[in-house]
């Protein structure tokens, strides 16, 4: 394709959240003191994201570990933004950094903040959380479950990824039986019925 057939070079990359998420952020509790509360919220946001057609079945939150204060809420916005890197973790960490005005969220600057996700981070999102300064990761569905239900390719995640995070000062906790699979299953059903397209799959 010749350059003449392309639009001019963009001069900025700006991804705004959809209106429904803006409303959900405004209505969300200011504090989520327990894991049960945190997972209930990210699961609900993941399901809503599927129903709204704005992205994959994933949502995340950044929460202050000590106070439970909610720093940021986000969802997967790949379809909304047409940007492949706009996974829930990347979006939410970016929103948290924008809100705090700091790229380091961050255990190195006197804060302990946890990234809560309804599913295990893919290989890209592991890198994003590693450099973000969060002190902990809490997730529900594991990567094998995500791939089995949705057909997504989670990438070459190292077998010792948990140990690698812990070695870098990031605690890892998996919460089972949170209902996280409901959003994954709903997404699969919509793909199979032709209502939405799977934008990431093994071999893609």
N, C-alpha and C. Protein backbone atom coordinates (compact mmCIF):
# COMPACT_ATOMS: atom_id res chain seq x y z
N UNK A 1 0.86 -1.20 0.00
CA UNK A 1 0.00 0.00 0.00
C UNK A 1 0.89 1.24 0.00
N UNK A 2 0.60 2.17 -0.87
CA UNK A 2 1.41 3.40 -0.92
C UNK A 2 1.01 4.33 0.21
N UNK A 3 1.96 5.21 0.57
CA UNK A 3 1.68 6.16 1.63
C UNK A 3 0.52 7.07 1.26
N UNK A 4 0.34 7.32 -0.03
CA UNK A 4 -0.74 8.21 -0.46
C UNK A 4 -2.10 7.64 -0.10
N UNK A 5 -2.19 6.31 0.06
CA UNK A 5 -3.47 5.70 0.38
C UNK A 5 -3.77 5.72 1.87
N UNK A 6 -2.80 6.13 2.69
CA UNK A 6 -2.98 6.15 4.13
C UNK A 6 -3.34 7.55 4.62
N UNK A 7 -3.95 7.61 5.78
CA UNK A 7 -4.21 8.90 6.41
C UNK A 7 -2.88 9.51 6.86
N UNK A 8 -2.84 10.80 7.12
CA UNK A 8 -1.61 11.42 7.63
C UNK A 8 -1.16 10.78 8.93
N UNK A 9 0.12 10.90 9.24
CA UNK A 9 0.63 10.35 10.50
C UNK A 9 -0.11 10.97 11.68
N UNK A 10 -0.63 10.14 12.59
CA UNK A 10 -1.25 10.70 13.80
C UNK A 10 -0.21 11.42 14.65
N UNK A 11 -0.64 12.41 15.38
CA UNK A 11 0.27 13.15 16.26
C UNK A 11 -0.01 12.92 17.73
N UNK A 12 -1.01 12.10 18.04
CA UNK A 12 -1.28 11.76 19.43
C UNK A 12 -2.08 10.46 19.47
N UNK A 13 -2.00 9.78 20.59
CA UNK A 13 -2.79 8.58 20.82
C UNK A 13 -3.61 8.82 22.07
N UNK A 14 -4.90 8.98 21.89
CA UNK A 14 -5.78 9.28 23.01
C UNK A 14 -6.92 8.26 23.03
N UNK A 15 -7.07 7.59 24.15
CA UNK A 15 -8.12 6.59 24.28
C UNK A 15 -9.03 7.00 25.43
N UNK A 16 -10.25 7.35 25.11
CA UNK A 16 -11.21 7.70 26.14
C UNK A 16 -12.07 6.50 26.50
N UNK A 17 -12.59 6.49 27.71
CA UNK A 17 -13.44 5.37 28.11
C UNK A 17 -14.85 5.61 27.57
N UNK A 18 -15.60 4.54 27.31
CA UNK A 18 -16.98 4.71 26.83
C UNK A 18 -17.87 5.32 27.90
N UNK A 19 -18.98 5.88 27.45
CA UNK A 19 -19.88 6.57 28.38
C UNK A 19 -20.37 5.67 29.50
N UNK A 20 -20.67 4.42 29.17
CA UNK A 20 -21.20 3.53 30.22
C UNK A 20 -20.18 3.32 31.33
N UNK A 21 -18.89 3.23 30.97
CA UNK A 21 -17.87 3.05 31.99
C UNK A 21 -17.68 4.31 32.81
N UNK A 22 -17.79 5.44 32.15
CA UNK A 22 -17.71 6.71 32.88
C UNK A 22 -18.80 6.78 33.96
N UNK A 23 -20.00 6.33 33.60
CA UNK A 23 -21.10 6.32 34.57
C UNK A 23 -20.84 5.30 35.68
N UNK A 24 -20.30 4.14 35.31
CA UNK A 24 -20.01 3.11 36.30
C UNK A 24 -18.92 3.56 37.27
N UNK A 25 -17.93 4.27 36.75
CA UNK A 25 -16.88 4.80 37.62
C UNK A 25 -17.47 5.78 38.63
N UNK A 26 -18.36 6.64 38.17
CA UNK A 26 -18.95 7.64 39.05
C UNK A 26 -19.82 7.00 40.13
N UNK A 27 -20.44 5.86 39.79
CA UNK A 27 -21.35 5.20 40.73
C UNK A 27 -20.65 4.20 41.64
N UNK A 28 -19.40 3.90 41.37
CA UNK A 28 -18.69 2.87 42.13
C UNK A 28 -18.39 3.33 43.55
N UNK A 29 -18.26 2.40 44.49
CA UNK A 29 -17.88 2.76 45.86
C UNK A 29 -16.50 3.40 45.89
N UNK A 30 -16.28 4.27 46.85
CA UNK A 30 -14.96 4.89 47.00
C UNK A 30 -13.97 3.93 47.64
N UNK A 31 -14.50 2.97 48.39
CA UNK A 31 -13.64 2.01 49.10
C UNK A 31 -14.12 0.59 48.85
N UNK A 32 -13.16 -0.30 48.62
CA UNK A 32 -13.42 -1.72 48.47
C UNK A 32 -12.45 -2.43 49.40
N UNK A 33 -12.90 -2.68 50.61
CA UNK A 33 -12.00 -3.15 51.65
C UNK A 33 -11.72 -4.63 51.64
N UNK A 34 -12.55 -5.42 50.94
CA UNK A 34 -12.36 -6.87 50.94
C UNK A 34 -12.17 -7.38 49.52
N UNK A 35 -11.54 -8.54 49.43
CA UNK A 35 -11.37 -9.15 48.11
C UNK A 35 -12.72 -9.47 47.47
N UNK A 36 -13.66 -9.92 48.28
CA UNK A 36 -14.98 -10.25 47.75
C UNK A 36 -15.62 -9.03 47.08
N UNK A 37 -15.49 -7.87 47.70
CA UNK A 37 -16.05 -6.65 47.12
C UNK A 37 -15.32 -6.28 45.84
N UNK A 38 -14.01 -6.44 45.85
CA UNK A 38 -13.23 -6.07 44.67
C UNK A 38 -13.56 -6.96 43.49
N UNK A 39 -13.66 -8.26 43.73
CA UNK A 39 -13.96 -9.16 42.63
C UNK A 39 -15.39 -9.03 42.16
N UNK A 40 -16.30 -8.75 43.05
CA UNK A 40 -17.69 -8.53 42.63
C UNK A 40 -17.78 -7.38 41.63
N UNK A 41 -17.01 -6.33 41.89
CA UNK A 41 -17.07 -5.16 41.01
C UNK A 41 -16.39 -5.45 39.66
N UNK A 42 -15.19 -6.02 39.67
CA UNK A 42 -14.52 -6.25 38.39
C UNK A 42 -15.27 -7.29 37.56
N UNK A 43 -15.87 -8.29 38.20
CA UNK A 43 -16.67 -9.25 37.44
C UNK A 43 -17.86 -8.58 36.77
N UNK A 44 -18.52 -7.69 37.51
CA UNK A 44 -19.69 -6.98 36.96
C UNK A 44 -19.28 -6.09 35.79
N UNK A 45 -18.14 -5.41 35.92
CA UNK A 45 -17.67 -4.56 34.83
C UNK A 45 -17.27 -5.37 33.61
N UNK A 46 -16.67 -6.54 33.82
CA UNK A 46 -16.29 -7.39 32.70
C UNK A 46 -17.53 -7.86 31.93
N UNK A 47 -18.56 -8.26 32.65
CA UNK A 47 -19.79 -8.68 32.00
C UNK A 47 -20.44 -7.53 31.24
N UNK A 48 -20.45 -6.35 31.85
CA UNK A 48 -21.04 -5.18 31.19
C UNK A 48 -20.27 -4.83 29.92
N UNK A 49 -18.94 -4.97 29.96
CA UNK A 49 -18.13 -4.66 28.80
C UNK A 49 -18.49 -5.56 27.62
N UNK A 50 -18.76 -6.82 27.91
CA UNK A 50 -19.18 -7.75 26.86
C UNK A 50 -20.53 -7.34 26.29
N UNK A 51 -21.46 -7.03 27.16
CA UNK A 51 -22.81 -6.67 26.71
C UNK A 51 -22.80 -5.38 25.90
N UNK A 52 -21.93 -4.45 26.27
CA UNK A 52 -21.86 -3.17 25.56
C UNK A 52 -21.08 -3.27 24.25
N UNK A 53 -20.34 -4.35 24.07
CA UNK A 53 -19.57 -4.53 22.84
C UNK A 53 -18.35 -3.65 22.74
N UNK A 54 -17.82 -3.19 23.89
CA UNK A 54 -16.69 -2.28 23.86
C UNK A 54 -15.34 -2.97 24.01
N UNK A 55 -15.36 -4.29 24.25
CA UNK A 55 -14.10 -5.00 24.38
C UNK A 55 -14.29 -6.41 24.89
N UNK A 56 -13.19 -7.04 25.23
CA UNK A 56 -13.22 -8.40 25.71
C UNK A 56 -13.75 -8.51 27.13
N UNK A 57 -13.90 -9.73 27.63
CA UNK A 57 -14.54 -9.98 28.93
C UNK A 57 -13.61 -9.81 30.12
N UNK A 58 -13.00 -8.63 30.19
CA UNK A 58 -11.99 -8.40 31.22
C UNK A 58 -12.14 -7.01 31.84
N UNK A 59 -11.93 -6.95 33.15
CA UNK A 59 -11.98 -5.67 33.87
C UNK A 59 -10.97 -5.71 35.00
N UNK A 60 -10.60 -4.53 35.48
CA UNK A 60 -9.58 -4.46 36.53
C UNK A 60 -9.83 -3.23 37.40
N UNK A 61 -9.19 -3.27 38.56
CA UNK A 61 -9.23 -2.14 39.49
C UNK A 61 -7.84 -1.99 40.12
N UNK A 62 -7.50 -0.77 40.45
CA UNK A 62 -6.33 -0.50 41.29
C UNK A 62 -6.86 0.04 42.61
N UNK A 63 -6.48 -0.63 43.70
CA UNK A 63 -7.00 -0.30 45.02
C UNK A 63 -5.84 -0.13 45.99
N UNK A 64 -5.95 0.84 46.88
CA UNK A 64 -4.95 1.03 47.93
C UNK A 64 -5.06 -0.13 48.92
N UNK A 65 -3.96 -0.84 49.13
CA UNK A 65 -3.99 -2.02 49.99
C UNK A 65 -4.31 -1.68 51.44
N UNK A 66 -3.86 -0.53 51.91
CA UNK A 66 -4.02 -0.20 53.32
C UNK A 66 -5.40 0.34 53.64
N UNK A 67 -5.96 1.16 52.76
CA UNK A 67 -7.23 1.82 53.06
C UNK A 67 -8.41 1.24 52.29
N UNK A 68 -8.15 0.53 51.20
CA UNK A 68 -9.22 0.05 50.35
C UNK A 68 -9.75 1.09 49.38
N UNK A 69 -9.12 2.27 49.36
CA UNK A 69 -9.57 3.33 48.45
C UNK A 69 -9.39 2.90 47.00
N UNK A 70 -10.41 3.13 46.19
CA UNK A 70 -10.34 2.78 44.77
C UNK A 70 -9.62 3.90 44.02
N UNK A 71 -8.52 3.54 43.39
CA UNK A 71 -7.72 4.51 42.64
C UNK A 71 -8.20 4.59 41.19
N UNK A 72 -8.51 3.43 40.59
CA UNK A 72 -8.94 3.42 39.19
C UNK A 72 -9.73 2.17 38.88
N UNK A 73 -10.61 2.29 37.89
CA UNK A 73 -11.39 1.17 37.36
C UNK A 73 -11.29 1.20 35.85
N UNK A 74 -11.11 0.04 35.24
CA UNK A 74 -11.02 0.00 33.79
C UNK A 74 -11.45 -1.33 33.23
N UNK A 75 -11.61 -1.38 31.92
CA UNK A 75 -11.99 -2.61 31.22
C UNK A 75 -11.16 -2.72 29.96
N UNK A 76 -11.25 -3.89 29.33
CA UNK A 76 -10.61 -4.10 28.04
C UNK A 76 -11.30 -3.22 27.00
N UNK A 77 -10.51 -2.39 26.30
CA UNK A 77 -11.08 -1.45 25.33
C UNK A 77 -10.53 -1.65 23.92
N UNK A 78 -10.13 -2.89 23.61
CA UNK A 78 -9.57 -3.15 22.29
C UNK A 78 -10.56 -2.80 21.18
N UNK A 79 -11.80 -3.21 21.32
CA UNK A 79 -12.79 -2.94 20.28
C UNK A 79 -13.20 -1.47 20.27
N UNK A 80 -13.33 -0.88 21.44
CA UNK A 80 -13.72 0.53 21.54
C UNK A 80 -12.66 1.44 20.94
N UNK A 81 -11.39 1.13 21.18
CA UNK A 81 -10.30 2.00 20.76
C UNK A 81 -9.64 1.57 19.45
N UNK A 82 -9.90 0.33 19.02
CA UNK A 82 -9.19 -0.23 17.89
C UNK A 82 -7.68 -0.20 18.10
N UNK A 83 -7.28 -0.48 19.34
CA UNK A 83 -5.87 -0.53 19.72
C UNK A 83 -5.65 -1.86 20.44
N UNK A 84 -4.78 -2.70 19.92
CA UNK A 84 -4.65 -4.06 20.43
C UNK A 84 -4.09 -4.14 21.85
N UNK A 85 -3.38 -3.10 22.28
CA UNK A 85 -2.77 -3.12 23.61
C UNK A 85 -3.71 -2.66 24.72
N UNK A 86 -4.93 -2.27 24.38
CA UNK A 86 -5.82 -1.72 25.38
C UNK A 86 -6.53 -2.80 26.19
N UNK A 87 -5.72 -3.66 26.80
CA UNK A 87 -6.25 -4.67 27.71
C UNK A 87 -6.65 -4.02 29.03
N UNK A 88 -7.46 -4.71 29.80
CA UNK A 88 -8.00 -4.13 31.03
C UNK A 88 -6.89 -3.67 31.97
N UNK A 89 -5.84 -4.48 32.10
CA UNK A 89 -4.75 -4.11 33.02
C UNK A 89 -4.04 -2.85 32.55
N UNK A 90 -3.73 -2.78 31.25
CA UNK A 90 -3.03 -1.61 30.71
C UNK A 90 -3.89 -0.36 30.87
N UNK A 91 -5.17 -0.48 30.54
CA UNK A 91 -6.08 0.66 30.67
C UNK A 91 -6.16 1.12 32.12
N UNK A 92 -6.35 0.19 33.04
CA UNK A 92 -6.57 0.54 34.44
C UNK A 92 -5.31 1.10 35.08
N UNK A 93 -4.17 0.50 34.80
CA UNK A 93 -2.92 1.05 35.32
C UNK A 93 -2.68 2.45 34.77
N UNK A 94 -2.98 2.65 33.48
CA UNK A 94 -2.81 3.98 32.90
C UNK A 94 -3.74 5.01 33.52
N UNK A 95 -4.99 4.61 33.78
CA UNK A 95 -5.93 5.53 34.44
C UNK A 95 -5.47 5.85 35.85
N UNK A 96 -4.93 4.85 36.56
CA UNK A 96 -4.42 5.09 37.91
C UNK A 96 -3.23 6.04 37.88
N UNK A 97 -2.36 5.87 36.91
CA UNK A 97 -1.20 6.75 36.80
C UNK A 97 -1.62 8.17 36.42
N UNK A 98 -2.64 8.27 35.57
CA UNK A 98 -3.15 9.59 35.23
C UNK A 98 -3.77 10.28 36.44
N UNK A 99 -4.50 9.50 37.25
CA UNK A 99 -5.16 10.09 38.41
C UNK A 99 -4.17 10.52 39.48
N UNK A 100 -3.13 9.72 39.69
CA UNK A 100 -2.14 10.04 40.72
C UNK A 100 -1.06 10.98 40.22
N UNK A 101 -0.96 11.12 38.90
CA UNK A 101 0.07 11.99 38.34
C UNK A 101 1.46 11.40 38.45
N UNK A 102 1.55 10.06 38.52
CA UNK A 102 2.84 9.42 38.69
C UNK A 102 2.86 8.09 37.95
N UNK A 103 3.95 7.80 37.27
CA UNK A 103 4.05 6.52 36.58
C UNK A 103 4.30 5.39 37.58
N UNK A 104 4.86 5.72 38.73
CA UNK A 104 5.15 4.73 39.77
C UNK A 104 4.02 4.75 40.79
N UNK A 105 3.28 3.65 40.88
CA UNK A 105 2.04 3.70 41.66
C UNK A 105 2.11 3.59 43.19
N UNK A 106 3.09 3.22 43.96
CA UNK A 106 4.16 2.50 43.72
C UNK A 106 4.82 2.19 45.06
N UNK A 107 5.20 0.95 45.13
CA UNK A 107 5.88 0.45 46.32
C UNK A 107 7.19 1.17 46.58
N UNK A 108 7.75 1.78 45.54
CA UNK A 108 9.02 2.47 45.70
C UNK A 108 8.86 3.90 46.23
N UNK A 109 7.64 4.37 46.30
CA UNK A 109 7.40 5.75 46.75
C UNK A 109 6.42 5.80 47.92
N UNK A 110 6.35 4.71 48.67
CA UNK A 110 5.58 4.73 49.91
C UNK A 110 4.13 4.33 49.82
N UNK A 111 3.70 3.77 48.70
CA UNK A 111 2.32 3.31 48.56
C UNK A 111 2.30 1.81 48.31
N UNK A 112 1.26 1.15 48.79
CA UNK A 112 1.02 -0.25 48.46
C UNK A 112 -0.33 -0.32 47.77
N UNK A 113 -0.29 -0.58 46.49
CA UNK A 113 -1.51 -0.65 45.71
C UNK A 113 -1.60 -1.99 45.01
N UNK A 114 -2.81 -2.51 44.94
CA UNK A 114 -3.04 -3.83 44.37
C UNK A 114 -3.80 -3.71 43.05
N UNK A 115 -3.38 -4.50 42.09
CA UNK A 115 -4.10 -4.61 40.82
C UNK A 115 -5.00 -5.82 40.90
N UNK A 116 -6.30 -5.61 40.75
CA UNK A 116 -7.30 -6.67 40.84
C UNK A 116 -7.86 -6.91 39.44
N UNK A 117 -7.83 -8.15 38.98
CA UNK A 117 -8.28 -8.48 37.63
C UNK A 117 -9.17 -9.72 37.69
N UNK A 118 -10.17 -9.78 36.84
CA UNK A 118 -11.04 -10.95 36.86
C UNK A 118 -10.40 -12.17 36.21
N UNK A 119 -9.25 -11.99 35.56
CA UNK A 119 -8.55 -13.13 34.96
C UNK A 119 -7.05 -12.89 35.01
N UNK A 120 -6.30 -13.97 34.93
CA UNK A 120 -4.84 -13.90 34.95
C UNK A 120 -4.33 -13.02 33.81
N UNK A 121 -3.39 -12.13 34.07
CA UNK A 121 -2.85 -11.27 33.01
C UNK A 121 -2.16 -12.08 31.91
N UNK A 122 -2.32 -11.63 30.68
CA UNK A 122 -1.62 -12.23 29.55
C UNK A 122 -0.15 -11.81 29.60
N UNK A 123 0.62 -12.27 28.64
CA UNK A 123 2.05 -11.99 28.65
C UNK A 123 2.33 -10.49 28.57
N UNK A 124 1.56 -9.74 27.79
CA UNK A 124 1.76 -8.30 27.69
C UNK A 124 1.45 -7.61 29.00
N UNK A 125 0.34 -8.00 29.62
CA UNK A 125 -0.09 -7.32 30.84
C UNK A 125 0.79 -7.65 32.03
N UNK A 126 1.44 -8.81 32.01
CA UNK A 126 2.43 -9.10 33.05
C UNK A 126 3.54 -8.07 33.02
N UNK A 127 3.99 -7.73 31.82
CA UNK A 127 5.02 -6.70 31.71
C UNK A 127 4.52 -5.35 32.18
N UNK A 128 3.28 -5.02 31.85
CA UNK A 128 2.73 -3.73 32.25
C UNK A 128 2.65 -3.59 33.77
N UNK A 129 2.19 -4.65 34.44
CA UNK A 129 2.07 -4.54 35.91
C UNK A 129 3.44 -4.57 36.57
N UNK A 130 4.40 -5.28 35.95
CA UNK A 130 5.73 -5.38 36.51
C UNK A 130 6.38 -4.01 36.66
N UNK A 131 6.17 -3.14 35.69
CA UNK A 131 6.82 -1.82 35.70
C UNK A 131 5.96 -0.73 36.32
N UNK A 132 4.75 -1.07 36.76
CA UNK A 132 3.82 -0.04 37.24
C UNK A 132 4.04 0.38 38.68
N UNK A 133 4.74 -0.45 39.46
CA UNK A 133 4.94 -0.14 40.87
C UNK A 133 3.90 -0.71 41.80
N UNK A 134 2.94 -1.50 41.29
CA UNK A 134 1.97 -2.10 42.20
C UNK A 134 2.66 -3.11 43.12
N UNK A 135 2.08 -3.30 44.29
CA UNK A 135 2.67 -4.19 45.28
C UNK A 135 2.06 -5.58 45.26
N UNK A 136 0.91 -5.73 44.60
CA UNK A 136 0.24 -7.03 44.62
C UNK A 136 -0.66 -7.17 43.40
N UNK A 137 -0.88 -8.43 43.03
CA UNK A 137 -1.82 -8.80 41.98
C UNK A 137 -2.82 -9.78 42.58
N UNK A 138 -4.10 -9.50 42.36
CA UNK A 138 -5.17 -10.42 42.72
C UNK A 138 -5.93 -10.76 41.44
N UNK A 139 -6.10 -12.05 41.15
CA UNK A 139 -6.82 -12.43 39.94
C UNK A 139 -7.71 -13.63 40.23
N UNK A 140 -8.63 -13.88 39.31
CA UNK A 140 -9.58 -14.99 39.49
C UNK A 140 -9.29 -16.10 38.49
N UNK A 141 -9.91 -16.08 37.32
CA UNK A 141 -9.74 -17.16 36.35
C UNK A 141 -8.29 -17.23 35.87
N UNK A 142 -7.75 -18.45 35.78
CA UNK A 142 -6.37 -18.58 35.32
C UNK A 142 -6.32 -18.56 33.79
N UNK A 143 -5.09 -18.46 33.27
CA UNK A 143 -4.92 -18.32 31.83
C UNK A 143 -5.45 -19.49 31.05
N UNK A 144 -5.28 -20.70 31.56
CA UNK A 144 -5.78 -21.88 30.86
C UNK A 144 -7.30 -21.85 30.74
N UNK A 145 -7.96 -21.36 31.78
CA UNK A 145 -9.42 -21.24 31.73
C UNK A 145 -9.85 -20.22 30.71
N UNK A 146 -9.14 -19.08 30.67
CA UNK A 146 -9.44 -18.04 29.68
C UNK A 146 -9.32 -18.61 28.26
N UNK A 147 -8.24 -19.31 27.99
CA UNK A 147 -8.03 -19.86 26.65
C UNK A 147 -9.06 -20.93 26.31
N UNK A 148 -9.39 -21.77 27.29
CA UNK A 148 -10.36 -22.85 27.04
C UNK A 148 -11.74 -22.31 26.72
N UNK A 149 -12.18 -21.29 27.46
CA UNK A 149 -13.54 -20.78 27.26
C UNK A 149 -13.63 -19.85 26.06
N UNK A 150 -12.66 -18.95 25.91
CA UNK A 150 -12.78 -17.89 24.90
C UNK A 150 -12.04 -18.17 23.61
N UNK A 151 -11.03 -19.04 23.65
CA UNK A 151 -10.19 -19.23 22.48
C UNK A 151 -9.11 -18.18 22.33
N UNK A 152 -8.98 -17.28 23.29
CA UNK A 152 -7.92 -16.28 23.25
C UNK A 152 -6.55 -16.93 23.36
N UNK A 153 -5.56 -16.28 22.80
CA UNK A 153 -4.17 -16.67 22.95
C UNK A 153 -3.55 -15.74 23.98
N UNK A 154 -3.18 -16.27 25.13
CA UNK A 154 -2.63 -15.45 26.21
C UNK A 154 -1.13 -15.22 26.09
N UNK A 155 -0.53 -15.80 25.06
CA UNK A 155 0.88 -15.55 24.80
C UNK A 155 1.81 -16.47 25.57
N UNK A 156 3.12 -16.34 25.34
CA UNK A 156 4.10 -17.23 25.98
C UNK A 156 4.39 -16.83 27.43
N UNK A 157 3.39 -17.02 28.28
CA UNK A 157 3.55 -16.68 29.69
C UNK A 157 4.51 -17.68 30.34
N UNK A 158 5.56 -17.23 31.00
CA UNK A 158 6.51 -18.16 31.63
C UNK A 158 5.84 -19.01 32.70
N UNK A 159 6.27 -20.25 32.82
CA UNK A 159 5.69 -21.13 33.81
C UNK A 159 5.91 -20.66 35.23
N UNK A 160 6.98 -19.90 35.45
CA UNK A 160 7.30 -19.41 36.80
C UNK A 160 6.95 -17.94 36.98
N UNK A 161 5.91 -17.48 36.26
CA UNK A 161 5.60 -16.06 36.30
C UNK A 161 5.26 -15.57 37.71
N UNK A 162 4.59 -16.38 38.49
CA UNK A 162 4.25 -15.96 39.86
C UNK A 162 5.51 -15.77 40.68
N UNK A 163 6.41 -16.73 40.59
CA UNK A 163 7.65 -16.64 41.35
C UNK A 163 8.46 -15.42 40.93
N UNK A 164 8.43 -15.12 39.63
CA UNK A 164 9.17 -13.95 39.16
C UNK A 164 8.59 -12.65 39.72
N UNK A 165 7.27 -12.56 39.80
CA UNK A 165 6.67 -11.36 40.39
C UNK A 165 7.00 -11.25 41.87
N UNK A 166 6.86 -12.36 42.58
CA UNK A 166 7.16 -12.35 44.02
C UNK A 166 8.61 -11.97 44.27
N UNK A 167 9.51 -12.45 43.44
CA UNK A 167 10.93 -12.11 43.58
C UNK A 167 11.18 -10.62 43.40
N UNK A 168 10.26 -9.96 42.70
CA UNK A 168 10.38 -8.51 42.48
C UNK A 168 9.51 -7.72 43.44
N UNK A 169 9.03 -8.36 44.48
CA UNK A 169 8.29 -7.66 45.52
C UNK A 169 6.81 -7.50 45.26
N UNK A 170 6.26 -8.27 44.32
CA UNK A 170 4.84 -8.18 43.99
C UNK A 170 4.14 -9.45 44.47
N UNK A 171 3.30 -9.32 45.47
CA UNK A 171 2.55 -10.47 45.97
C UNK A 171 1.52 -10.92 44.94
N UNK A 172 1.24 -12.21 44.90
CA UNK A 172 0.29 -12.77 43.94
C UNK A 172 -0.73 -13.62 44.70
N UNK A 173 -2.01 -13.35 44.43
CA UNK A 173 -3.08 -14.12 45.07
C UNK A 173 -4.15 -14.45 44.04
N UNK A 174 -4.49 -15.73 43.94
CA UNK A 174 -5.60 -16.14 43.09
C UNK A 174 -6.82 -16.42 43.95
N UNK A 175 -7.91 -15.79 43.61
CA UNK A 175 -9.18 -15.98 44.32
C UNK A 175 -10.07 -16.90 43.48
N UNK A 176 -10.41 -18.04 44.00
CA UNK A 176 -11.23 -19.00 43.27
C UNK A 176 -12.71 -18.75 43.53
N UNK A 177 -13.52 -19.25 42.64
CA UNK A 177 -14.98 -19.24 42.82
C UNK A 177 -15.55 -17.84 43.02
N UNK A 178 -15.11 -16.90 42.19
CA UNK A 178 -15.65 -15.54 42.29
C UNK A 178 -16.77 -15.29 41.29
N UNK A 179 -17.03 -16.25 40.41
CA UNK A 179 -18.00 -16.01 39.34
C UNK A 179 -17.38 -15.35 38.14
N UNK A 180 -16.06 -15.34 38.06
CA UNK A 180 -15.37 -14.65 36.98
C UNK A 180 -15.61 -15.29 35.62
N UNK A 181 -15.94 -16.59 35.60
CA UNK A 181 -16.10 -17.27 34.33
C UNK A 181 -17.37 -16.84 33.59
N UNK A 182 -18.29 -16.20 34.27
CA UNK A 182 -19.56 -15.83 33.62
C UNK A 182 -19.33 -14.89 32.44
N UNK A 183 -18.46 -13.90 32.61
CA UNK A 183 -18.19 -12.97 31.52
C UNK A 183 -17.49 -13.66 30.36
N UNK A 184 -16.58 -14.59 30.69
CA UNK A 184 -15.87 -15.33 29.65
C UNK A 184 -16.87 -16.17 28.84
N UNK A 185 -17.78 -16.83 29.53
CA UNK A 185 -18.77 -17.68 28.86
C UNK A 185 -19.74 -16.85 28.02
N UNK A 186 -20.12 -15.69 28.54
CA UNK A 186 -21.03 -14.83 27.78
C UNK A 186 -20.35 -14.35 26.50
N UNK A 187 -19.07 -14.00 26.60
CA UNK A 187 -18.31 -13.57 25.43
C UNK A 187 -18.24 -14.71 24.40
N UNK A 188 -17.93 -15.93 24.86
CA UNK A 188 -17.89 -17.09 23.97
C UNK A 188 -19.22 -17.27 23.26
N UNK A 189 -20.33 -17.15 24.00
CA UNK A 189 -21.64 -17.34 23.41
C UNK A 189 -21.93 -16.30 22.32
N UNK A 190 -21.52 -15.06 22.57
CA UNK A 190 -21.75 -14.01 21.58
C UNK A 190 -20.90 -14.22 20.34
N UNK A 191 -19.67 -14.71 20.53
CA UNK A 191 -18.82 -15.02 19.38
C UNK A 191 -19.43 -16.15 18.56
N UNK A 192 -19.86 -17.20 19.23
CA UNK A 192 -20.41 -18.35 18.54
C UNK A 192 -21.72 -18.03 17.82
N UNK A 193 -22.47 -17.08 18.34
CA UNK A 193 -23.73 -16.70 17.70
C UNK A 193 -23.55 -15.63 16.62
N UNK A 194 -22.31 -15.15 16.46
CA UNK A 194 -22.03 -14.16 15.42
C UNK A 194 -22.34 -12.74 15.80
N UNK A 195 -22.69 -12.50 17.07
CA UNK A 195 -23.02 -11.13 17.51
C UNK A 195 -21.76 -10.28 17.60
N UNK A 196 -20.66 -10.89 18.02
CA UNK A 196 -19.39 -10.18 18.09
C UNK A 196 -18.30 -11.07 17.53
N UNK A 197 -17.16 -10.48 17.21
CA UNK A 197 -16.04 -11.23 16.65
C UNK A 197 -14.94 -11.39 17.68
N UNK A 198 -14.30 -12.55 17.66
CA UNK A 198 -13.15 -12.73 18.54
C UNK A 198 -11.96 -12.06 17.89
N UNK A 199 -11.35 -11.11 18.58
CA UNK A 199 -10.27 -10.33 17.99
C UNK A 199 -8.90 -10.90 18.29
N UNK A 200 -8.83 -11.97 19.05
CA UNK A 200 -7.56 -12.56 19.42
C UNK A 200 -7.78 -14.06 19.55
N UNK A 201 -7.03 -14.85 18.82
CA UNK A 201 -7.20 -16.29 18.91
C UNK A 201 -5.91 -17.02 18.65
N UNK A 202 -5.83 -18.25 19.12
CA UNK A 202 -4.64 -19.04 18.90
C UNK A 202 -4.33 -19.13 17.42
N UNK A 203 -3.08 -18.85 17.09
CA UNK A 203 -2.65 -18.90 15.69
C UNK A 203 -2.92 -17.63 14.93
N UNK A 204 -3.55 -16.63 15.58
CA UNK A 204 -3.88 -15.38 14.89
C UNK A 204 -2.64 -14.53 14.71
